[in-house]
C-alpha cells in the first residue's frame, strides 16, 4: 500500500534505520517494482555512521542522545538529503533485551518521516522480544507513511 501511494504520487523514499537494522527497507523492497520508488537506505547503528552518512549533529547526540526525537528527525532529513529522495524515514530506538534505562526503556523507538509535507516524529514504547519490537516499529513506520501520503 505504501508502494502504491509512492508510485501514485511519483515520490521516492529513503530509510535511515538504527534499531530495525534494515527491516523497513526489506519490507518496502519485498514488492516487485519497488526500485521505482525506493532510492536506498543507511543502516546507521553507530553514532559515527549517524553523523558521517546522515548528518546527525554531534551536539544533538550529546544533548539528546542517539535514541531521541531530535536524532530521528535528523536521520530522516539527512537520508532524504544524502540519498536524494522525496521522503525520508528515520528510526532509532532500543530493541533490547538489554540497553534500556529508566529514562529510555527497552522498546522505546522514535520514528520520523520527513519530506515536503513537513516532518513528523512519534515516540513509541513497544513490548515483546527484540524481533517483536523491531516488527512493531516497522509496522508503525509503514502506518505513518500511509498517513503522510494521504
Protein backbone atom coordinates (compact mmCIF):
# COMPACT_ATOMS: atom_id res chain seq x y z
CA UNK A 1 0.00 0.00 0.00
CA UNK A 2 2.85 2.39 0.77
CA UNK A 3 4.49 1.50 -2.53
CA UNK A 4 1.28 2.20 -4.43
CA UNK A 5 0.95 5.54 -2.64
CA UNK A 6 4.51 6.48 -3.50
CA UNK A 7 4.04 5.47 -7.14
CA UNK A 8 0.73 7.30 -7.45
CA UNK A 9 2.34 10.46 -6.06
CA UNK A 10 5.55 9.98 -8.09
CA UNK A 11 7.61 10.13 -4.90
CA UNK A 12 10.74 8.33 -3.80
CA UNK A 13 11.77 7.17 -0.34
CA UNK A 14 14.97 6.52 1.56
CA UNK A 15 15.32 4.96 5.01
CA UNK A 16 17.71 5.60 7.88
CA UNK A 17 17.43 2.68 10.26
CA UNK A 18 19.15 2.00 13.53
CA UNK A 19 17.35 -0.45 15.82
CA UNK A 20 15.37 -2.01 12.94
CA UNK A 21 18.57 -2.90 11.10
CA UNK A 22 17.12 -2.61 7.61
CA UNK A 23 13.80 -4.33 8.27
CA UNK A 24 11.78 -1.37 6.97
CA UNK A 25 13.79 -1.26 3.77
CA UNK A 26 13.38 -5.01 3.44
CA UNK A 27 9.62 -4.73 3.77
CA UNK A 28 9.49 -1.93 1.20
CA UNK A 29 11.61 -3.90 -1.26
CA UNK A 30 9.63 -7.12 -0.82
CA UNK A 31 7.35 -5.69 -3.52
CA UNK A 32 8.25 -6.24 -7.15
CA UNK A 33 8.87 -2.91 -8.85
CA UNK A 34 9.94 -1.20 -5.63
CA UNK A 35 13.06 0.09 -7.40
CA UNK A 36 10.73 2.70 -8.92
CA UNK A 37 10.36 4.40 -5.54
CA UNK A 38 12.97 3.06 -3.08
CA UNK A 39 16.18 5.05 -3.51
CA UNK A 40 18.17 3.28 -0.80
CA UNK A 41 18.88 3.10 2.88
CA UNK A 42 21.51 3.60 5.52
CA UNK A 43 21.81 1.23 8.46
CA UNK A 44 23.08 3.75 11.00
CA UNK A 45 23.65 1.57 14.03
CA UNK A 46 26.60 3.58 15.34
CA UNK A 47 26.72 7.27 16.14
CA UNK A 48 29.71 7.52 13.80
CA UNK A 49 27.53 6.45 10.86
CA UNK A 50 24.65 8.66 12.02
CA UNK A 51 27.00 11.64 11.84
CA UNK A 52 29.03 10.75 8.74
CA UNK A 53 26.31 9.34 6.50
CA UNK A 54 23.19 11.14 7.72
CA UNK A 55 24.48 14.46 9.01
CA UNK A 56 23.21 13.98 12.56
CA UNK A 57 24.86 16.70 14.62
CA UNK A 58 27.28 15.78 17.40
CA UNK A 59 25.51 18.36 19.57
CA UNK A 60 22.20 16.54 19.09
CA UNK A 61 23.74 13.22 20.09
CA UNK A 62 25.40 14.78 23.14
CA UNK A 63 22.34 16.74 24.27
CA UNK A 64 19.50 14.37 23.38
CA UNK A 65 21.14 11.00 22.79
CA UNK A 66 21.01 8.59 19.87
CA UNK A 67 17.53 7.49 20.94
CA UNK A 68 15.55 10.72 20.76
CA UNK A 69 13.00 12.53 18.65
CA UNK A 70 15.67 15.03 17.61
CA UNK A 71 18.00 12.31 16.33
CA UNK A 72 15.16 10.56 14.48
CA UNK A 73 14.26 13.84 12.77
CA UNK A 74 17.86 14.49 11.76
CA UNK A 75 18.19 10.92 10.48
CA UNK A 76 15.06 11.25 8.31
CA UNK A 77 16.09 14.62 6.92
CA UNK A 78 19.67 13.51 6.43
CA UNK A 79 18.86 10.36 4.49
CA UNK A 80 16.47 12.36 2.32
CA UNK A 81 19.20 14.86 1.50
CA UNK A 82 22.12 12.45 1.18
CA UNK A 83 20.32 9.91 -1.00
CA UNK A 84 18.21 12.40 -2.95
CA UNK A 85 14.78 11.05 -2.01
CA UNK A 86 11.49 12.91 -1.67
CA UNK A 87 10.66 11.29 1.67
CA UNK A 88 12.99 10.11 4.41
CA UNK A 89 12.25 7.85 7.34
CA UNK A 90 14.40 7.74 10.46
CA UNK A 91 14.09 5.02 13.09
CA UNK A 92 16.12 4.90 16.29
CA UNK A 93 15.42 3.04 19.49
CA UNK A 94 16.23 0.28 21.93
CA UNK A 95 15.14 -3.17 20.72
CA UNK A 96 16.55 -5.00 23.75
CA UNK A 97 16.68 -7.16 25.59
CA UNK A 98 19.49 -5.07 27.12
CA UNK A 99 20.43 -1.43 26.79
CA UNK A 100 17.40 0.16 28.41
CA UNK A 101 17.24 2.51 31.37
CA UNK A 102 14.54 4.13 33.48
CA UNK A 103 14.52 7.18 31.18
CA UNK A 104 14.86 5.17 27.98
CA UNK A 105 13.39 1.69 28.45
CA UNK A 106 13.70 -1.28 26.13
CA UNK A 107 11.05 -0.86 23.46
CA UNK A 108 11.44 2.93 23.19
CA UNK A 109 11.54 3.79 19.49
CA UNK A 110 11.36 7.18 17.78
CA UNK A 111 10.16 7.18 14.18
CA UNK A 112 10.31 10.20 11.91
CA UNK A 113 9.03 10.90 8.42
CA UNK A 114 10.41 13.94 6.59
CA UNK A 115 9.53 15.46 3.26
CA UNK A 116 7.84 18.35 1.50
CA UNK A 117 4.73 18.00 3.69
CA UNK A 118 6.86 18.70 6.75
CA UNK A 119 8.40 16.50 9.40
CA UNK A 120 6.65 14.18 11.81
CA UNK A 121 8.03 12.17 14.71
CA UNK A 122 6.42 9.76 17.13
CA UNK A 123 7.61 8.40 20.44
CA UNK A 124 6.64 4.75 20.83
CA UNK A 125 7.15 2.20 23.57
CA UNK A 126 6.74 -1.29 22.19
CA UNK A 127 6.91 -4.54 24.13
CA UNK A 128 7.96 -8.09 23.45
CA UNK A 129 11.10 -9.75 22.20
CA UNK A 130 13.73 -7.96 20.14
CA UNK A 131 12.19 -9.29 16.94
CA UNK A 132 8.69 -8.26 18.04
CA UNK A 133 9.84 -4.73 18.89
CA UNK A 134 11.54 -4.40 15.50
CA UNK A 135 8.41 -5.64 13.72
CA UNK A 136 6.15 -3.27 15.66
CA UNK A 137 8.46 -0.36 14.85
CA UNK A 138 8.37 -1.15 11.14
CA UNK A 139 4.59 -1.59 11.19
CA UNK A 140 4.27 1.82 12.85
CA UNK A 141 6.61 3.40 10.30
CA UNK A 142 4.54 1.98 7.45
CA UNK A 143 1.35 3.32 9.05
CA UNK A 144 2.97 6.73 9.43
CA UNK A 145 3.97 6.65 5.77
CA UNK A 146 0.44 5.81 4.69
CA UNK A 147 -0.88 8.74 6.71
CA UNK A 148 1.84 11.03 5.34
CA UNK A 149 0.91 10.12 1.76
CA UNK A 150 -2.79 10.93 2.24
